[in-house]
C-alpha cells in the first residue's frame, strides 16, 4: 500500500470516528426540542441517553471486537457505520418514546463495532507508527466533534431537530459508500488465536491496579455522561441559550480545547511518571476533583458568563483523566491481555457510567420537578457526586501501581 493510500485511510477512519461521536451527541444536544415535540418526561430522556444506549453499546463491544479479531474488519466497519447512520436518520421520523428507544439501541449497536475494528486495521496499516496513527485518529475525532457539533447546532436552529437527524444520518450513509469503494481489508501482520474472555476476566479480576483503574473509569464516565447528556438542556432552560450557542460552547470546549489538552497530557504524563509512576493515578485524581468542583460551582451561578467559564472546564480536561487510565493499562497489563483488559474496562464502565449517569439525572429531575417544582439544577448537583468514586479509586490505584509495574514482565500481581 502506498503512503498516500495509507494517509487517506487514516483520514477516512478519523471521519468515521467523528461521525460516530456526533451521532451519539445528537439527542443530548437537541433534548429540549425532542422532549417538547414528543411530550417526553426527563426520566425518558435520561433512559434514551443512558441505559437504552449504554446497555446495547457495552454488551455488543466484546462480541463485535471478537468478530474483528478473526473476520473482515473493513466489512464490519462499513456494516456498523451504515447501521448507526440509518438509525440516526430514522430518529428524525420517530413519533413516540418506544420508537426512539429502538432507534437509539440500533445506533449503539452500530457504534460499538466501528472503533475496535478501525484500531486493529490501523495497527496493520502503520506497523511502525502505531502511536502516530492512534494520535491522529483521536485528533481527527476531536476536530470532527468541533466542526460537527457546531454544524448540527446551526442545522437544528434553522431546520428543526427532525431534519437535523435525517441529514446527519444521510451524511453517514454517504461516508459508508465512500468507505466501501476506497478501503481494502489490510493484510494482518500477525495472527493470534482468539482468547476466551472468561479466562481473561478471571485473571484480570485478581489484578489490583486493573480493578482500581476500572472503578476510576466508572466514576469518570458517570460524571462525563451525566453532565454531557444534560448540560445542553440545562443551558437551554437555565441560561436560555439557543441551539447554535450551545453547539459553539460544546465544540470549543470538548472539541478544540479538549484536543489541546489531550495532545499536551501525553508528554506531561511521561515526564511525571518517569520520576514516580504513581503520577498515573495522582494526575487523574487531581483532574476529576477539578472537574467536579468547577461544575458544581458553575451549576450554582445564575450569571451566564461566569457559569459558562466554570462549566467549560470539565469538557476541556475530561479526556486527560481517561488518557491517564489508558496509560495505566499499557503499563501494568501484559501485552497478551491488553485488548481484553480494555474491552472489559469499557464494558463495566459504560454500563455503570454511561448507563446510570444520564438516567439518574433524568429520574431526579422528574422527581424534583414534580414533587418540589424545582428545575434541572438540583438533579445535576446530585447526579455529579458519584464521580467522586473516581477520586477515591485513584488514591487506591496509586498504592498498587508500583507493585504491579514490577510484576508485568513475569506475571500479574494479585496482591490487594
Protein backbone atom coordinates (compact mmCIF):
# COMPACT_ATOMS: atom_id res chain seq x y z
CA UNK A 1 0.00 0.00 0.00
CA UNK A 2 1.32 3.45 -0.92
CA UNK A 3 1.91 6.14 1.67
CA UNK A 4 -0.83 8.29 0.14
CA UNK A 5 -3.41 5.50 0.40
CA UNK A 6 -2.34 4.89 3.99
CA UNK A 7 -2.90 8.51 4.95
CA UNK A 8 -6.18 8.50 3.05
CA UNK A 9 -7.33 5.51 5.08
CA UNK A 10 -6.27 7.26 8.29
CA UNK A 11 -8.25 10.36 7.34
CA UNK A 12 -11.32 8.28 6.50
CA UNK A 13 -11.02 6.35 9.77
CA UNK A 14 -10.91 9.64 11.67
CA UNK A 15 -14.01 10.76 9.77
CA UNK A 16 -15.84 7.56 10.74
CA UNK A 17 -14.89 8.13 14.38
CA UNK A 18 -16.02 11.76 14.17
CA UNK A 19 -19.47 10.91 12.75
CA UNK A 20 -19.71 8.24 15.46
CA UNK A 21 -19.22 10.90 18.15
CA UNK A 22 -21.55 13.42 16.50
CA UNK A 23 -24.39 10.90 16.06
CA UNK A 24 -24.09 9.88 19.71
CA UNK A 25 -24.38 13.50 20.86
CA UNK A 26 -27.32 14.46 18.65
CA UNK A 27 -30.02 13.54 21.15
CA UNK A 28 -28.42 15.22 24.20
CA UNK A 29 -27.80 18.35 22.14
CA UNK A 30 -31.41 18.57 20.97
CA UNK A 31 -33.06 17.01 24.03
CA UNK A 32 -35.23 20.05 24.75
CA UNK A 33 -36.71 20.18 21.25
CA UNK A 34 -37.31 16.41 21.19
CA UNK A 35 -38.86 16.46 24.67
CA UNK A 36 -41.33 19.19 23.77
CA UNK A 37 -42.26 17.75 20.36
CA UNK A 38 -42.94 14.18 21.51
CA UNK A 39 -44.04 15.16 25.04
CA UNK A 40 -41.36 13.21 26.90
CA UNK A 41 -40.54 13.39 30.60
CA UNK A 42 -36.99 13.96 31.81
CA UNK A 43 -36.72 10.36 33.00
CA UNK A 44 -37.48 9.20 29.45
CA UNK A 45 -34.77 11.47 28.01
CA UNK A 46 -32.45 10.04 30.67
CA UNK A 47 -33.18 6.49 29.53
CA UNK A 48 -32.67 7.39 25.86
CA UNK A 49 -29.28 8.97 26.52
CA UNK A 50 -28.36 6.48 29.26
CA UNK A 51 -29.43 2.86 29.69
CA UNK A 52 -31.15 2.37 26.32
CA UNK A 53 -27.90 3.33 24.61
CA UNK A 54 -25.31 2.12 27.09
CA UNK A 55 -26.59 -1.43 27.62
CA UNK A 56 -26.56 -2.23 23.90
CA UNK A 57 -23.24 -0.44 23.37
CA UNK A 58 -21.49 -2.20 26.24
CA UNK A 59 -22.88 -5.68 25.60
CA UNK A 60 -22.06 -5.55 21.87
CA UNK A 61 -18.48 -4.32 22.32
CA UNK A 62 -16.98 -7.71 23.24
CA UNK A 63 -18.66 -9.88 20.57
CA UNK A 64 -18.02 -7.33 17.81
CA UNK A 65 -14.39 -7.00 18.90
CA UNK A 66 -14.17 -10.80 18.75
CA UNK A 67 -15.55 -10.70 15.18
CA UNK A 68 -12.97 -8.06 14.25
CA UNK A 69 -10.15 -10.24 15.60
CA UNK A 70 -10.87 -13.02 13.11
CA UNK A 71 -13.15 -11.63 10.41
CA UNK A 72 -13.14 -8.96 7.70
CA UNK A 73 -12.71 -5.71 9.61
CA UNK A 74 -13.38 -3.43 6.66
CA UNK A 75 -16.78 -5.01 6.06
CA UNK A 76 -17.58 -4.88 9.77
CA UNK A 77 -16.85 -1.14 9.95
CA UNK A 78 -18.94 -0.48 6.84
CA UNK A 79 -21.90 -2.51 8.14
CA UNK A 80 -21.79 -0.87 11.57
CA UNK A 81 -21.36 2.62 10.09
CA UNK A 82 -24.30 2.08 7.77
CA UNK A 83 -26.41 0.72 10.63
CA UNK A 84 -25.94 3.60 13.06
CA UNK A 85 -26.22 6.18 10.27
CA UNK A 86 -29.53 4.72 9.05
CA UNK A 87 -30.79 4.52 12.65
CA UNK A 88 -29.80 8.16 13.22
CA UNK A 89 -31.76 9.23 10.15
CA UNK A 90 -34.74 7.14 11.30
CA UNK A 91 -34.77 9.02 14.63
CA UNK A 92 -35.97 12.03 12.66
CA UNK A 93 -39.21 10.19 11.86
CA UNK A 94 -39.91 8.93 15.40
CA UNK A 95 -43.34 9.71 16.80
CA UNK A 96 -43.08 8.04 20.21
CA UNK A 97 -40.75 7.18 23.05
CA UNK A 98 -40.75 3.49 22.09
CA UNK A 99 -39.64 4.25 18.54
CA UNK A 100 -36.79 6.41 19.81
CA UNK A 101 -35.69 3.63 22.17
CA UNK A 102 -35.44 1.15 19.28
CA UNK A 103 -33.52 3.61 17.10
CA UNK A 104 -31.10 4.56 19.90
CA UNK A 105 -30.40 0.89 20.55
CA UNK A 106 -29.61 0.42 16.86
CA UNK A 107 -27.27 3.43 16.96
CA UNK A 108 -25.49 1.91 19.97
CA UNK A 109 -25.03 -1.49 18.30
CA UNK A 110 -23.53 0.11 15.20
CA UNK A 111 -21.20 2.41 17.11
CA UNK A 112 -19.93 -0.46 19.27
CA UNK A 113 -18.37 -2.17 16.25
CA UNK A 114 -16.50 0.60 14.43
CA UNK A 115 -13.70 1.71 16.75
CA UNK A 116 -12.17 -1.70 17.72
CA UNK A 117 -12.03 -2.78 14.07
CA UNK A 118 -10.61 0.58 12.94
CA UNK A 119 -7.86 0.47 15.57
CA UNK A 120 -6.99 -3.09 14.54
CA UNK A 121 -6.64 -2.10 10.88
CA UNK A 122 -4.57 0.97 11.75
CA UNK A 123 -2.09 -1.26 13.59
CA UNK A 124 -1.60 -3.23 10.36
CA UNK A 125 -1.54 -0.14 8.12
CA UNK A 126 1.05 1.65 10.28
CA UNK A 127 3.04 -1.16 11.94
CA UNK A 128 5.97 1.09 12.87
CA UNK A 129 3.94 4.19 13.72
CA UNK A 130 1.12 2.95 15.93
CA UNK A 131 1.39 5.96 18.25
CA UNK A 132 1.18 8.39 15.35
CA UNK A 133 -1.84 6.60 13.86
CA UNK A 134 -3.72 6.42 17.16
CA UNK A 135 -2.94 10.05 17.96
CA UNK A 136 -4.03 11.22 14.52
CA UNK A 137 -7.25 9.23 14.85
CA UNK A 138 -8.06 10.89 18.18
CA UNK A 139 -7.09 14.34 16.92
CA UNK A 140 -9.27 13.90 13.86
CA UNK A 141 -12.20 12.88 16.05
CA UNK A 142 -11.82 16.00 18.21
CA UNK A 143 -11.69 18.25 15.17
CA UNK A 144 -14.70 16.42 13.76
CA UNK A 145 -16.54 16.98 17.03
CA UNK A 146 -15.74 20.68 16.88
CA UNK A 147 -16.98 21.06 13.30
CA UNK A 148 -19.80 18.53 13.58
CA UNK A 149 -21.45 19.79 16.75
CA UNK A 150 -21.37 23.39 15.55
CA UNK A 151 -22.79 22.33 12.18
CA UNK A 152 -25.55 20.29 13.81
CA UNK A 153 -26.45 23.21 16.06
CA UNK A 154 -26.79 25.51 13.07
CA UNK A 155 -28.97 22.95 11.26
CA UNK A 156 -31.21 22.46 14.31
CA UNK A 157 -31.73 26.21 14.69
CA UNK A 158 -32.75 26.68 11.07
CA UNK A 159 -34.36 23.39 10.07
CA UNK A 160 -35.50 21.71 13.29
CA UNK A 161 -34.41 18.61 15.14
CA UNK A 162 -36.04 16.09 12.78
CA UNK A 163 -34.29 17.39 9.67
CA UNK A 164 -31.01 17.50 11.59
CA UNK A 165 -31.24 13.80 12.46
CA UNK A 166 -32.11 12.88 8.87
CA UNK A 167 -29.37 14.99 7.25
CA UNK A 168 -26.69 13.79 9.68
CA UNK A 169 -27.73 10.17 9.10
CA UNK A 170 -27.58 10.63 5.32
CA UNK A 171 -24.07 12.08 5.63
CA UNK A 172 -23.05 8.91 7.47
CA UNK A 173 -24.58 6.73 4.74
CA UNK A 174 -22.63 8.70 2.11
CA UNK A 175 -19.42 8.12 4.07
CA UNK A 176 -20.29 4.40 4.21
CA UNK A 177 -20.44 4.26 0.41
CA UNK A 178 -17.10 6.08 0.08
CA UNK A 179 -15.59 3.72 2.66
CA UNK A 180 -16.73 0.62 0.75
CA UNK A 181 -15.40 1.99 -2.55
CA UNK A 182 -11.98 3.08 -1.29
CA UNK A 183 -10.92 0.91 1.67
CA UNK A 184 -9.48 -2.58 1.37
CA UNK A 185 -9.00 -5.09 4.16
CA UNK A 186 -5.30 -4.88 5.13
CA UNK A 187 -3.21 -7.99 5.49
CA UNK A 188 -2.80 -8.99 9.11
CA UNK A 189 0.82 -8.69 10.16
CA UNK A 190 0.41 -11.22 12.95
CA UNK A 191 -2.08 -13.96 13.69
CA UNK A 192 -3.14 -14.51 17.27
CA UNK A 193 -5.68 -17.09 18.37
CA UNK A 194 -8.81 -15.63 19.90
CA UNK A 195 -8.61 -15.84 23.67
CA UNK A 196 -11.71 -16.78 25.69
CA UNK A 197 -12.95 -13.72 27.53
CA UNK A 198 -13.93 -15.76 30.58
CA UNK A 199 -10.33 -16.75 31.23
CA UNK A 200 -9.09 -13.19 30.70
CA UNK A 201 -11.75 -11.82 33.05
CA UNK A 202 -10.79 -14.27 35.79
CA UNK A 203 -7.14 -13.24 35.52
CA UNK A 204 -7.89 -9.53 35.42
CA UNK A 205 -10.24 -9.74 38.40
CA UNK A 206 -7.25 -10.68 40.57
CA UNK A 207 -5.24 -7.66 39.40
CA UNK A 208 -5.40 -4.81 41.94
CA UNK A 209 -4.45 -1.95 39.61
CA UNK A 210 -6.91 -3.11 36.96
CA UNK A 211 -9.76 -3.13 39.48
CA UNK A 212 -8.96 0.39 40.69
CA UNK A 213 -8.46 1.66 37.12
CA UNK A 214 -11.88 0.27 36.22
CA UNK A 215 -13.50 1.97 39.23
CA UNK A 216 -11.81 5.22 38.24
CA UNK A 217 -13.34 4.95 34.77
CA UNK A 218 -16.75 4.18 36.28
CA UNK A 219 -16.64 7.42 38.28
CA UNK A 220 -15.24 9.41 35.35
CA UNK A 221 -17.78 8.14 32.80
CA UNK A 222 -20.62 8.58 35.29
CA UNK A 223 -19.70 12.24 35.61
CA UNK A 224 -18.95 12.78 31.90
CA UNK A 225 -22.18 11.18 30.70
CA UNK A 226 -24.42 12.69 33.38
CA UNK A 227 -23.20 16.18 32.53
CA UNK A 228 -22.73 15.56 28.80
CA UNK A 229 -26.27 14.26 28.33
CA UNK A 230 -27.97 17.00 30.34
CA UNK A 231 -25.77 20.09 30.06
CA UNK A 232 -27.35 21.22 26.74
CA UNK A 233 -30.82 21.01 28.30
CA UNK A 234 -29.61 22.83 31.42
CA UNK A 235 -28.04 25.64 29.38
CA UNK A 236 -31.25 26.00 27.37
CA UNK A 237 -33.51 26.05 30.44
CA UNK A 238 -31.42 27.95 32.97
CA UNK A 239 -29.48 30.32 30.69
CA UNK A 240 -31.81 30.41 27.65
CA UNK A 241 -29.07 29.60 25.13
CA UNK A 242 -30.03 28.71 21.56
CA UNK A 243 -29.01 25.57 19.65
CA UNK A 244 -26.15 27.29 17.87
CA UNK A 245 -24.86 28.89 21.09
CA UNK A 246 -24.90 25.52 22.88
CA UNK A 247 -23.20 23.87 19.92
CA UNK A 248 -20.49 26.52 19.86
CA UNK A 249 -19.90 26.06 23.60
CA UNK A 250 -19.59 22.27 23.29
CA UNK A 251 -17.48 22.48 20.15
CA UNK A 252 -14.99 24.94 21.65
CA UNK A 253 -14.66 23.13 24.99
CA UNK A 254 -14.99 19.40 24.25
CA UNK A 255 -13.73 19.82 20.68
CA UNK A 256 -10.98 22.43 20.37
CA UNK A 257 -9.75 22.78 23.96
CA UNK A 258 -10.20 19.06 24.57
CA UNK A 259 -7.93 18.40 21.60
CA UNK A 260 -5.25 20.71 23.01
CA UNK A 261 -5.49 19.05 26.43
CA UNK A 262 -5.18 15.52 25.02
CA UNK A 263 -2.15 16.46 22.90
CA UNK A 264 -0.47 18.04 25.93
CA UNK A 265 -1.14 15.36 28.54
CA UNK A 266 0.95 12.62 26.89
CA UNK A 267 4.35 14.33 27.22
CA UNK A 268 3.40 15.69 30.66
CA UNK A 269 2.40 12.26 31.97
CA UNK A 270 5.54 10.65 30.52
CA UNK A 271 7.71 13.21 32.27
CA UNK A 272 5.94 12.94 35.63
CA UNK A 273 5.68 9.14 35.66
CA UNK A 274 9.39 8.72 34.91
CA UNK A 275 10.02 10.27 38.31
CA UNK A 276 7.20 8.41 40.08
CA UNK A 277 4.78 6.00 38.41
CA UNK A 278 2.09 6.99 40.91
CA UNK A 279 1.53 10.19 38.92
CA UNK A 280 -0.53 7.99 36.59
CA UNK A 281 -3.05 7.87 39.44
CA UNK A 282 -2.42 11.24 41.08
CA UNK A 283 -2.93 13.25 37.89
CA UNK A 284 -6.41 11.84 37.10
CA UNK A 285 -7.36 12.29 40.78
CA UNK A 286 -6.47 15.99 40.51
CA UNK A 287 -8.30 16.31 37.19
CA UNK A 288 -11.52 14.63 38.39
CA UNK A 289 -11.51 16.76 41.55
CA UNK A 290 -11.20 19.92 39.45
CA UNK A 291 -13.97 18.73 37.11
CA UNK A 292 -16.44 18.09 39.93
CA UNK A 293 -15.60 21.29 41.84
CA UNK A 294 -15.81 23.58 38.81
CA UNK A 295 -19.04 22.00 37.55
CA UNK A 296 -20.65 22.21 40.99
CA UNK A 297 -19.73 25.90 41.23
CA UNK A 298 -20.89 26.62 37.67
CA UNK A 299 -24.28 25.00 38.27
CA UNK A 300 -24.86 27.27 41.26
CA UNK A 301 -24.39 30.51 39.28
CA UNK A 302 -27.22 32.40 37.59
CA UNK A 303 -24.89 34.77 35.72
CA UNK A 304 -24.33 33.15 32.32
CA UNK A 305 -20.77 34.28 31.54
CA UNK A 306 -19.03 33.03 34.72
CA UNK A 307 -21.25 29.93 34.71
CA UNK A 308 -20.10 29.01 31.20
CA UNK A 309 -16.48 29.65 32.17
CA UNK A 310 -16.71 27.18 35.05
CA UNK A 311 -18.90 24.65 33.24
CA UNK A 312 -16.45 24.63 30.33
CA UNK A 313 -13.54 23.33 32.42
CA UNK A 314 -14.75 19.72 32.73
CA UNK A 315 -15.27 19.02 29.00
CA UNK A 316 -11.85 20.55 28.29
CA UNK A 317 -9.96 18.20 30.61
CA UNK A 318 -12.22 15.15 30.89
CA UNK A 319 -10.21 13.10 28.39
CA UNK A 320 -6.99 13.90 30.29
CA UNK A 321 -8.08 11.58 33.09
CA UNK A 322 -9.16 8.92 30.58
CA UNK A 323 -5.80 9.14 28.81
CA UNK A 324 -4.03 8.54 32.13
CA UNK A 325 -6.07 5.38 32.74
CA UNK A 326 -5.22 4.10 29.25
CA UNK A 327 -1.55 4.67 30.14
CA UNK A 328 -2.04 2.63 33.31
CA UNK A 329 -3.35 -0.32 31.29
CA UNK A 330 -0.42 -0.11 28.88
CA UNK A 331 1.98 -0.03 31.83
CA UNK A 332 0.69 -2.70 34.21
CA UNK A 333 -1.15 -5.16 31.92
CA UNK A 334 0.92 -7.69 29.90
CA UNK A 335 0.66 -7.32 26.12
CA UNK A 336 -1.33 -10.53 25.70
CA UNK A 337 -4.14 -9.21 27.90
CA UNK A 338 -4.30 -5.53 26.97
CA UNK A 339 -7.08 -5.82 24.39
CA UNK A 340 -9.19 -7.90 26.76
CA UNK A 341 -8.45 -5.51 29.62
CA UNK A 342 -9.58 -2.53 27.55
CA UNK A 343 -12.76 -4.31 26.45
CA UNK A 344 -13.66 -5.42 29.99
CA UNK A 345 -12.92 -1.96 31.41
CA UNK A 346 -15.24 -0.32 28.89
CA UNK A 347 -17.91 -2.97 29.40
CA UNK A 348 -18.08 -2.27 33.14
CA UNK A 349 -17.51 1.49 32.94
CA UNK A 350 -20.02 2.05 30.14
CA UNK A 351 -22.74 0.02 31.81
CA UNK A 352 -22.28 1.81 35.13
CA UNK A 353 -21.21 5.26 33.96
CA UNK A 354 -22.89 5.78 30.59
CA UNK A 355 -25.95 3.77 31.58
CA UNK A 356 -26.69 5.10 35.06
CA UNK A 357 -25.35 8.67 34.86
CA UNK A 358 -27.87 10.24 32.44
CA UNK A 359 -30.67 8.00 33.74
CA UNK A 360 -30.15 9.08 37.36
CA UNK A 361 -30.20 12.78 36.46
CA UNK A 362 -33.36 12.30 34.38
CA UNK A 363 -35.17 10.44 37.17
CA UNK A 364 -34.09 13.01 39.76
CA UNK A 365 -35.17 15.88 37.51
CA UNK A 366 -38.62 14.36 37.05
CA UNK A 367 -38.90 13.79 40.81
CA UNK A 368 -37.75 17.26 41.82
CA UNK A 369 -39.85 18.93 39.15
CA UNK A 370 -42.99 17.00 40.07
CA UNK A 371 -42.64 16.96 43.83
CA UNK A 372 -41.00 20.30 44.53
CA UNK A 373 -41.37 22.45 41.42
CA UNK A 374 -37.60 22.69 41.01
CA UNK A 375 -35.52 22.83 37.83
CA UNK A 376 -32.84 20.54 36.38
CA UNK A 377 -30.11 22.17 38.50
CA UNK A 378 -30.58 20.12 41.73
CA UNK A 379 -30.72 16.88 39.74
CA UNK A 380 -27.34 17.66 38.16
CA UNK A 381 -25.87 18.74 41.50
CA UNK A 382 -26.77 15.35 43.00
CA UNK A 383 -26.00 13.43 39.81
CA UNK A 384 -22.36 14.51 39.57
CA UNK A 385 -21.48 13.36 43.10
CA UNK A 386 -20.92 9.66 42.17
CA UNK A 387 -17.96 10.95 40.17
CA UNK A 388 -16.10 11.09 43.49
CA UNK A 389 -15.79 7.29 43.18
CA UNK A 390 -13.09 8.01 40.60
CA UNK A 391 -11.10 10.16 43.03
CA UNK A 392 -11.14 7.52 45.77
CA UNK A 393 -10.25 4.77 43.28
CA UNK A 394 -7.26 6.80 42.06
CA UNK A 395 -5.88 7.02 45.59
CA UNK A 396 -6.02 3.23 45.93
CA UNK A 397 -4.61 2.87 42.41
CA UNK A 398 -1.56 4.92 43.43
CA UNK A 399 -0.87 2.39 46.21
CA UNK A 400 -0.99 -0.65 43.91
CA UNK A 401 0.85 0.73 40.87
CA UNK A 402 4.44 0.20 41.98
CA UNK A 403 3.99 -3.49 42.78
CA UNK A 404 2.04 -4.19 39.60
CA UNK A 405 4.55 -2.41 37.35
CA UNK A 406 7.31 -4.63 38.75
CA UNK A 407 5.13 -7.71 38.19
CA UNK A 408 4.41 -7.07 34.50
CA UNK A 409 7.34 -8.91 32.86
CA UNK A 410 6.60 -12.19 34.58
CA UNK A 411 3.10 -12.37 35.95
CA UNK A 412 0.13 -10.37 37.11
CA UNK A 413 0.19 -9.14 40.66
CA UNK A 414 -2.77 -10.25 42.67
CA UNK A 415 -1.91 -8.55 45.90
CA UNK A 416 -4.50 -6.29 47.38
